[in-house]
Amino acid sequence: MTVLDMAPAESAPPPDPPTTPRRPGPRSFRRLALAVGAYLGAVVIFSAFVAAKHQNPVTVWRAMIHSTLLQGSSLQEIAMRAVPISLAALAVAVPARAGLVNVGGEGQLILGAVAATGIGVAIGADVPGPLAWLLMAGGGAAAGAAWAGLAGALRAWLGANEAVTTLLLNFVANDIMLYLIYQPWKDPHGSGQPQSRPLPHHAQLPGLFASQVNTSVVVALVAAAAIWWLLRRSHWGFALRVVGGNGEAARRCGLPVSKLMIQSMLVGGALAGLGGMLNLAGLELRLRPDITLTFGYVAFLASWLGRHHPVKVVGAAVLFSAIALSGNGVQLSTGLDGATVDVLLALIVAAPLFLTKFRAAAQ
């Protein structure tokens, strides 16, 4: 009998809930108060930082809220920006269940966009739209999977630290892209800037309801739901949790630890590669430098903040997208550098660290 045999049956009904609901005790209220206090502290510190730059914090907060929630197209822009970040964050969350650290979302996004560009430009107008989208999505996912799988194989077979290898592969992926758009793929009819030829019109993802939002948002939500099911309900997800909890115990129980590690990296890389393709075909429409705008590194923080839970990870990605977009409003309204909002992002990421410390001290 293996560990998989001990996994709960898929069809087993959940236990009946207790007749008397549990009332939240003092410890629950204390935890809630600590959580609220930690994030309120982030708000206060950011406000003090803004005041130190001789700006009114109320004005800055008003500009951030107006530029993200009250402008007509802001929510659509947040949704589109969140698509590659969400998928790259899921690319971190899946290997994390197996105890692996994937810092290579940036490179996997880039190679997904590179593969999608090559396929989309090569097929031209000879292939109908739906087939073109499938070919580009498959190529992007395969490129991202291969890039992450390389790091997974190095970890499983040679013991190389996957955090280091995935980070280094980011720079290699960026160099590959730059070579292509500066040399063989450079648009001869462009303005002189290093960029590829644009995708054919039929290869671009269609919009939804005559808005800026296109089908990439739907694809990202479906992918997130599929990953949630895989990690929470499937035997494969259960095996990943066992490997991540104690690899040696999993090996003694008969689980193929090396295989599962590589598989988790392949799935994660495929998600990030798909995110690169969706960002290209749904928003950018051509390959250019800085096409991902450090999305992979922001995605790593989003996955960490969401504790590698697919639903929370997507929520964190949307939050970070909104914060990044608010930088434009802050710059236009107050004259502060748009990167000022990165301080708030850092404080939000740091809040759980203080929360964990305070909880440990309270116990």
Protein backbone atom coordinates (compact mmCIF):
# COMPACT_ATOMS: atom_id res chain seq x y z
CA MET A 1 0.00 0.00 0.00
CA THR A 2 1.33 3.44 -0.95
CA VAL A 3 0.51 6.86 0.41
CA LEU A 4 -1.83 7.41 -2.52
CA ASP A 5 -3.90 4.45 -1.37
CA MET A 6 -4.41 6.18 1.94
CA ALA A 7 -5.76 9.33 0.30
CA PRO A 8 -9.44 10.03 0.98
CA ALA A 9 -11.81 8.61 -1.63
CA GLU A 10 -13.12 11.07 -4.16
CA SER A 11 -16.73 10.01 -3.70
CA ALA A 12 -16.71 9.84 0.08
CA PRO A 13 -19.32 12.26 1.48
CA PRO A 14 -18.06 14.93 3.86
CA PRO A 15 -18.73 14.40 7.56
CA ASP A 16 -21.91 15.87 8.95
CA PRO A 17 -21.37 19.28 10.48
CA PRO A 18 -21.77 19.55 14.25
CA THR A 19 -25.26 20.42 15.39
CA THR A 20 -23.98 23.24 17.59
CA PRO A 21 -21.72 25.70 15.75
CA ARG A 22 -18.50 26.59 17.47
CA ARG A 23 -18.37 30.07 18.82
CA PRO A 24 -15.22 32.04 18.13
CA GLY A 25 -13.11 32.09 21.26
CA PRO A 26 -10.72 34.72 22.57
CA ARG A 27 -7.87 33.23 20.55
CA SER A 28 -9.82 33.70 17.28
CA PHE A 29 -10.56 37.33 18.10
CA ARG A 30 -6.91 37.85 19.04
CA ARG A 31 -5.74 36.44 15.72
CA LEU A 32 -8.21 38.62 13.82
CA ALA A 33 -7.11 41.69 15.74
CA LEU A 34 -3.46 40.94 15.01
CA ALA A 35 -4.18 40.48 11.30
CA VAL A 36 -6.13 43.73 11.07
CA GLY A 37 -3.45 45.52 13.07
CA ALA A 38 -0.64 44.25 10.86
CA TYR A 39 -2.25 45.51 7.65
CA LEU A 40 -3.39 48.77 9.24
CA GLY A 41 0.22 49.21 10.30
CA ALA A 42 1.23 48.88 6.65
CA VAL A 43 -1.23 51.63 5.75
CA VAL A 44 0.07 53.91 8.53
CA ILE A 45 3.72 53.37 7.61
CA PHE A 46 3.02 54.07 3.93
CA SER A 47 1.15 57.24 4.89
CA ALA A 48 4.12 58.35 7.01
CA PHE A 49 6.44 57.63 4.08
CA VAL A 50 4.30 59.81 1.81
CA ALA A 51 4.23 62.59 4.42
CA ALA A 52 8.03 62.45 4.64
CA LYS A 53 8.04 63.29 0.91
CA HIS A 54 6.01 66.44 1.69
CA GLN A 55 2.77 65.12 0.23
CA ASN A 56 -0.64 64.85 1.84
CA PRO A 57 -1.34 61.13 2.50
CA VAL A 58 -5.08 61.70 2.08
CA THR A 59 -4.49 63.14 -1.39
CA VAL A 60 -2.29 60.18 -2.34
CA TRP A 61 -4.81 57.63 -1.10
CA ARG A 62 -7.60 59.45 -2.92
CA ALA A 63 -5.57 59.38 -6.14
CA MET A 64 -4.88 55.65 -5.72
CA ILE A 65 -8.53 54.80 -5.13
CA HIS A 66 -9.77 57.01 -7.95
CA SER A 67 -7.29 55.62 -10.49
CA THR A 68 -8.13 52.00 -9.69
CA LEU A 69 -11.78 51.83 -8.69
CA LEU A 70 -13.55 54.95 -9.95
CA GLN A 71 -12.29 55.36 -13.49
CA GLY A 72 -14.27 53.62 -16.21
CA SER A 73 -11.52 51.46 -17.66
CA SER A 74 -9.45 50.92 -14.51
CA LEU A 75 -11.03 47.63 -13.48
CA GLN A 76 -10.59 46.30 -17.00
CA GLU A 77 -6.91 47.26 -16.98
CA ILE A 78 -6.45 45.60 -13.58
CA ALA A 79 -8.05 42.40 -14.87
CA MET A 80 -5.83 42.30 -17.95
CA ARG A 81 -2.69 43.03 -15.96
CA ALA A 82 -3.60 40.34 -13.43
CA VAL A 83 -3.79 37.58 -16.06
CA PRO A 84 -0.02 36.94 -16.53
CA ILE A 85 0.69 37.66 -12.86
CA SER A 86 -1.96 35.16 -11.71
CA LEU A 87 -0.67 32.39 -13.96
CA ALA A 88 2.95 33.07 -13.03
CA ALA A 89 1.91 33.03 -9.36
CA LEU A 90 0.23 29.65 -9.87
CA ALA A 91 3.52 28.54 -11.46
CA VAL A 92 5.07 29.21 -8.06
CA ALA A 93 2.24 27.65 -6.06
CA VAL A 94 2.26 24.23 -7.76
CA PRO A 95 5.97 23.42 -7.18
CA ALA A 96 5.68 24.87 -3.67
CA ARG A 97 3.35 22.00 -2.80
CA ALA A 98 6.25 19.67 -3.56
CA GLY A 99 8.65 21.75 -1.46
CA LEU A 100 10.25 23.49 -4.46
CA VAL A 101 10.92 27.19 -4.96
CA ASN A 102 10.26 28.43 -8.49
CA VAL A 103 11.71 31.92 -8.92
CA GLY A 104 11.71 31.55 -12.69
CA GLY A 105 8.27 32.88 -13.51
CA GLU A 106 9.79 35.82 -15.35
CA GLY A 107 11.79 33.66 -17.74
CA GLN A 108 8.91 31.24 -18.24
CA LEU A 109 6.58 34.13 -19.10
CA ILE A 110 9.15 35.46 -21.57
CA LEU A 111 9.67 32.14 -23.34
CA GLY A 112 5.91 31.58 -23.49
CA ALA A 113 5.59 34.91 -25.27
CA VAL A 114 8.56 34.09 -27.52
CA ALA A 115 7.06 30.75 -28.59
CA ALA A 116 3.63 32.32 -29.15
CA THR A 117 5.18 35.08 -31.26
CA GLY A 118 7.09 32.62 -33.41
CA ILE A 119 3.99 30.52 -34.03
CA GLY A 120 1.62 33.44 -34.51
CA VAL A 121 3.85 35.26 -37.01
CA ALA A 122 4.80 32.06 -38.84
CA ILE A 123 1.25 30.88 -39.49
CA GLY A 124 0.24 34.34 -40.72
CA ALA A 125 -3.26 34.42 -42.15
CA ASP A 126 -3.22 30.77 -43.22
CA VAL A 127 -4.78 29.38 -40.04
CA PRO A 128 -8.21 30.37 -38.63
CA GLY A 129 -8.39 32.19 -35.33
CA PRO A 130 -9.40 29.40 -32.90
CA LEU A 131 -6.76 27.05 -34.26
CA ALA A 132 -4.15 29.82 -34.12
CA TRP A 133 -4.99 30.48 -30.47
CA LEU A 134 -4.69 26.80 -29.61
CA LEU A 135 -1.36 26.49 -31.41
CA MET A 136 0.02 29.60 -29.72
CA ALA A 137 -1.26 28.51 -26.30
CA GLY A 138 0.22 25.05 -26.74
CA GLY A 139 3.55 26.46 -27.90
CA GLY A 140 3.71 28.97 -25.05
CA ALA A 141 2.83 26.37 -22.43
CA ALA A 142 5.36 23.90 -23.87
CA ALA A 143 8.14 26.50 -23.86
CA GLY A 144 7.42 27.50 -20.25
CA ALA A 145 7.21 23.85 -19.19
CA ALA A 146 10.52 23.01 -20.84
CA TRP A 147 12.22 25.98 -19.16
CA ALA A 148 10.92 25.11 -15.70
CA GLY A 149 11.36 21.36 -16.29
CA LEU A 150 15.06 21.94 -16.91
CA ALA A 151 15.44 23.38 -13.42
CA GLY A 152 13.29 20.57 -11.99
CA ALA A 153 15.45 17.92 -13.64
CA LEU A 154 18.63 19.55 -12.34
CA ARG A 155 17.14 19.47 -8.83
CA ALA A 156 15.87 15.89 -9.03
CA TRP A 157 18.91 14.34 -10.71
CA LEU A 158 21.85 16.52 -9.66
CA GLY A 159 20.60 18.14 -6.47
CA ALA A 160 20.99 21.66 -7.89
CA ASN A 161 19.06 24.30 -5.96
CA GLU A 162 16.01 25.12 -8.07
CA ALA A 163 15.70 28.63 -6.62
CA VAL A 164 19.14 29.48 -8.02
CA THR A 165 18.72 27.72 -11.37
CA THR A 166 15.28 29.21 -12.09
CA LEU A 167 16.56 32.67 -11.19
CA LEU A 168 19.55 32.35 -13.50
CA LEU A 169 17.37 30.98 -16.30
CA ASN A 170 15.39 34.23 -16.18
CA PHE A 171 18.41 36.11 -17.53
CA VAL A 172 19.03 33.50 -20.21
CA ALA A 173 15.41 33.72 -21.37
CA ASN A 174 15.63 37.50 -21.56
CA ASP A 175 18.83 37.26 -23.63
CA ILE A 176 17.13 34.85 -26.03
CA MET A 177 14.25 37.27 -26.51
CA LEU A 178 16.54 40.26 -27.01
CA TYR A 179 18.59 38.40 -29.61
CA LEU A 180 15.46 37.51 -31.56
CA ILE A 181 13.94 40.98 -31.61
CA TYR A 182 17.24 42.71 -32.34
CA GLN A 183 18.22 40.30 -35.12
CA PRO A 184 16.09 37.70 -36.98
CA TRP A 185 12.63 38.71 -35.75
CA LYS A 186 13.02 42.49 -35.86
CA ASP A 187 10.17 44.21 -37.63
CA PRO A 188 11.61 45.66 -40.85
CA HIS A 189 8.71 48.09 -41.07
CA GLY A 190 8.90 49.24 -37.46
CA SER A 191 9.98 52.59 -36.09
CA GLY A 192 13.51 51.41 -35.41
CA GLN A 193 12.68 50.10 -31.97
CA PRO A 194 13.63 46.47 -31.23
CA GLN A 195 10.35 44.61 -31.59
CA SER A 196 8.87 41.76 -33.57
CA ARG A 197 6.30 42.00 -36.30
CA PRO A 198 2.76 42.31 -34.88
CA LEU A 199 0.55 39.29 -34.65
CA PRO A 200 -1.96 38.85 -37.47
CA HIS A 201 -5.36 40.23 -36.54
CA HIS A 202 -7.02 36.82 -36.44
CA ALA A 203 -4.35 35.54 -34.01
CA GLN A 204 -5.21 38.23 -31.47
CA LEU A 205 -7.58 37.20 -28.69
CA PRO A 206 -11.14 38.53 -29.08
CA GLY A 207 -12.62 40.98 -26.61
CA LEU A 208 -15.56 40.34 -24.32
CA PHE A 209 -18.70 42.48 -24.41
CA ALA A 210 -17.06 45.29 -26.42
CA SER A 211 -14.60 46.04 -23.62
CA GLN A 212 -10.83 45.97 -23.10
CA VAL A 213 -11.19 42.63 -21.34
CA ASN A 214 -10.68 39.66 -23.62
CA THR A 215 -10.84 35.89 -23.40
CA SER A 216 -7.48 35.71 -21.62
CA VAL A 217 -9.30 36.50 -18.36
CA VAL A 218 -11.62 33.52 -18.87
CA VAL A 219 -8.68 31.23 -19.67
CA ALA A 220 -6.83 32.39 -16.54
CA LEU A 221 -9.86 31.76 -14.31
CA VAL A 222 -10.40 28.29 -15.80
CA ALA A 223 -6.70 27.48 -15.28
CA ALA A 224 -6.88 28.65 -11.65
CA ALA A 225 -9.97 26.49 -11.02
CA ALA A 226 -8.27 23.48 -12.61
CA ILE A 227 -5.17 23.93 -10.45
CA TRP A 228 -7.32 24.28 -7.35
CA TRP A 229 -9.00 20.95 -8.16
CA LEU A 230 -5.68 19.25 -8.93
CA LEU A 231 -4.05 20.38 -5.71
CA ARG A 232 -7.03 19.89 -3.41
CA ARG A 233 -9.00 16.96 -4.85
CA SER A 234 -6.73 14.75 -6.95
CA HIS A 235 -4.38 11.98 -5.89
CA TRP A 236 -1.59 13.81 -7.69
CA GLY A 237 -2.11 16.89 -5.54
CA PHE A 238 -2.16 14.72 -2.41
CA ALA A 239 1.12 13.13 -3.46
CA LEU A 240 2.68 16.56 -3.96
CA ARG A 241 1.68 17.54 -0.43
CA VAL A 242 3.27 14.38 0.94
CA VAL A 243 6.50 15.04 -0.97
CA GLY A 244 6.54 18.65 0.19
CA GLY A 245 5.93 17.63 3.79
CA ASN A 246 8.66 14.98 4.02
CA GLY A 247 10.41 13.87 0.88
CA GLU A 248 12.30 11.03 2.52
CA ALA A 249 9.16 9.60 4.11
CA ALA A 250 7.36 9.88 0.76
CA ARG A 251 10.19 7.97 -0.94
CA ARG A 252 10.04 5.19 1.65
CA CYS A 253 6.28 4.93 1.12
CA GLY A 254 6.85 4.22 -2.56
CA LEU A 255 6.14 7.62 -4.09
CA PRO A 256 8.28 8.60 -7.13
CA VAL A 257 9.64 11.75 -5.50
CA SER A 258 11.94 12.82 -8.34
CA LYS A 259 9.20 12.30 -10.91
CA LEU A 260 6.70 14.30 -8.88
CA MET A 261 9.17 17.14 -8.44
CA ILE A 262 9.77 17.36 -12.17
CA GLN A 263 6.06 17.11 -12.89
CA SER A 264 5.28 19.97 -10.52
CA MET A 265 7.86 22.17 -12.26
CA LEU A 266 6.54 21.19 -15.68
CA VAL A 267 2.97 22.10 -14.71
CA GLY A 268 4.11 25.36 -13.12
CA GLY A 269 6.20 26.31 -16.13
CA ALA A 270 3.32 25.50 -18.49
CA LEU A 271 1.08 27.88 -16.53
CA ALA A 272 3.62 30.70 -16.72
CA GLY A 273 4.24 30.02 -20.42
CA LEU A 274 0.49 30.19 -21.01
CA GLY A 275 0.45 33.49 -19.13
CA GLY A 276 3.14 34.85 -21.45
CA MET A 277 1.11 33.81 -24.48
CA LEU A 278 -2.10 35.40 -23.12
CA ASN A 279 -0.27 38.62 -22.31
CA LEU A 280 1.12 38.71 -25.84
CA ALA A 281 -2.01 37.76 -27.79
CA GLY A 282 -4.42 39.65 -25.55
CA LEU A 283 -2.55 42.85 -24.73
CA GLU A 284 0.91 43.43 -26.18
CA LEU A 285 0.34 41.97 -29.68
CA ARG A 286 4.08 41.97 -30.45
CA LEU A 287 7.31 40.93 -28.74
CA ARG A 288 9.36 43.78 -27.29
CA PRO A 289 11.86 44.37 -24.45
CA ASP A 290 10.41 44.41 -20.94
CA ILE A 291 7.22 42.78 -22.19
CA THR A 292 6.57 41.22 -18.78
CA LEU A 293 7.58 44.26 -16.68
CA THR A 294 8.92 42.08 -13.80
CA PHE A 295 5.56 40.28 -13.64
CA GLY A 296 7.33 37.06 -12.65
CA TYR A 297 8.88 38.55 -9.53
CA VAL A 298 5.62 40.20 -8.48
CA ALA A 299 3.91 36.84 -9.06
CA PHE A 300 6.35 35.16 -6.68
CA LEU A 301 5.34 37.61 -3.96
CA ALA A 302 1.66 37.09 -4.77
CA SER A 303 2.01 33.33 -4.36
CA TRP A 304 3.84 33.78 -1.08
CA LEU A 305 1.24 36.22 0.24
CA GLY A 306 -1.54 33.81 -0.77
CA ARG A 307 0.24 30.93 0.99
CA HIS A 308 0.32 29.07 -2.36
CA HIS A 309 -3.46 28.55 -2.25
CA PRO A 310 -4.79 28.99 -5.82
CA VAL A 311 -7.77 31.18 -4.91
CA LYS A 312 -5.79 33.39 -2.54
CA VAL A 313 -2.95 33.58 -5.03
CA VAL A 314 -5.25 34.96 -7.72
CA GLY A 315 -6.67 37.46 -5.22
CA ALA A 316 -3.18 38.63 -4.31
CA ALA A 317 -2.32 38.97 -8.01
CA VAL A 318 -5.36 41.20 -8.56
CA LEU A 319 -4.42 43.29 -5.50
CA PHE A 320 -0.86 43.76 -6.70
CA SER A 321 -2.10 44.66 -10.18
CA ALA A 322 -4.34 47.34 -8.69
CA ILE A 323 -1.50 48.75 -6.60
CA ALA A 324 0.83 48.87 -9.60
CA LEU A 325 -1.82 50.59 -11.73
CA SER A 326 -2.47 53.16 -8.98
CA GLY A 327 1.09 54.42 -9.45
CA ASN A 328 0.01 56.21 -12.62
CA GLY A 329 -2.71 58.08 -10.76
CA VAL A 330 -0.34 59.03 -7.95
CA GLN A 331 2.20 60.40 -10.41
CA LEU A 332 -0.36 62.43 -12.34
CA SER A 333 -2.14 63.81 -9.26
CA THR A 334 0.73 64.48 -6.86
CA GLY A 335 3.92 64.46 -8.90
CA LEU A 336 5.39 61.62 -6.87
CA ASP A 337 7.21 58.88 -8.74
CA GLY A 338 4.80 56.11 -9.71
CA ALA A 339 7.16 53.60 -8.11
CA THR A 340 6.20 55.05 -4.72
CA VAL A 341 3.35 52.54 -4.53
CA ASP A 342 5.94 49.74 -4.54
CA VAL A 343 6.60 50.70 -0.92
CA LEU A 344 3.00 49.85 -0.09
CA LEU A 345 3.33 46.56 -1.92
CA ALA A 346 6.44 45.72 0.09
CA LEU A 347 4.70 46.59 3.36
CA ILE A 348 1.74 44.36 2.49
CA VAL A 349 4.12 41.49 1.79
CA ALA A 350 6.00 42.15 5.03
CA ALA A 351 2.86 42.31 7.16
CA PRO A 352 2.47 38.49 7.45
CA LEU A 353 6.06 38.26 8.73
CA PHE A 354 5.27 40.57 11.64
CA LEU A 355 1.94 38.82 12.11
CA THR A 356 3.66 35.44 12.47
CA LYS A 357 6.14 36.87 14.98
CA PHE A 358 3.43 38.49 17.09
CA ARG A 359 1.34 35.34 17.09
CA ALA A 360 4.30 33.30 18.25
CA ALA A 361 5.00 35.77 21.02
CA ALA A 362 1.33 35.72 22.10
CA GLN A 363 1.23 31.94 22.47
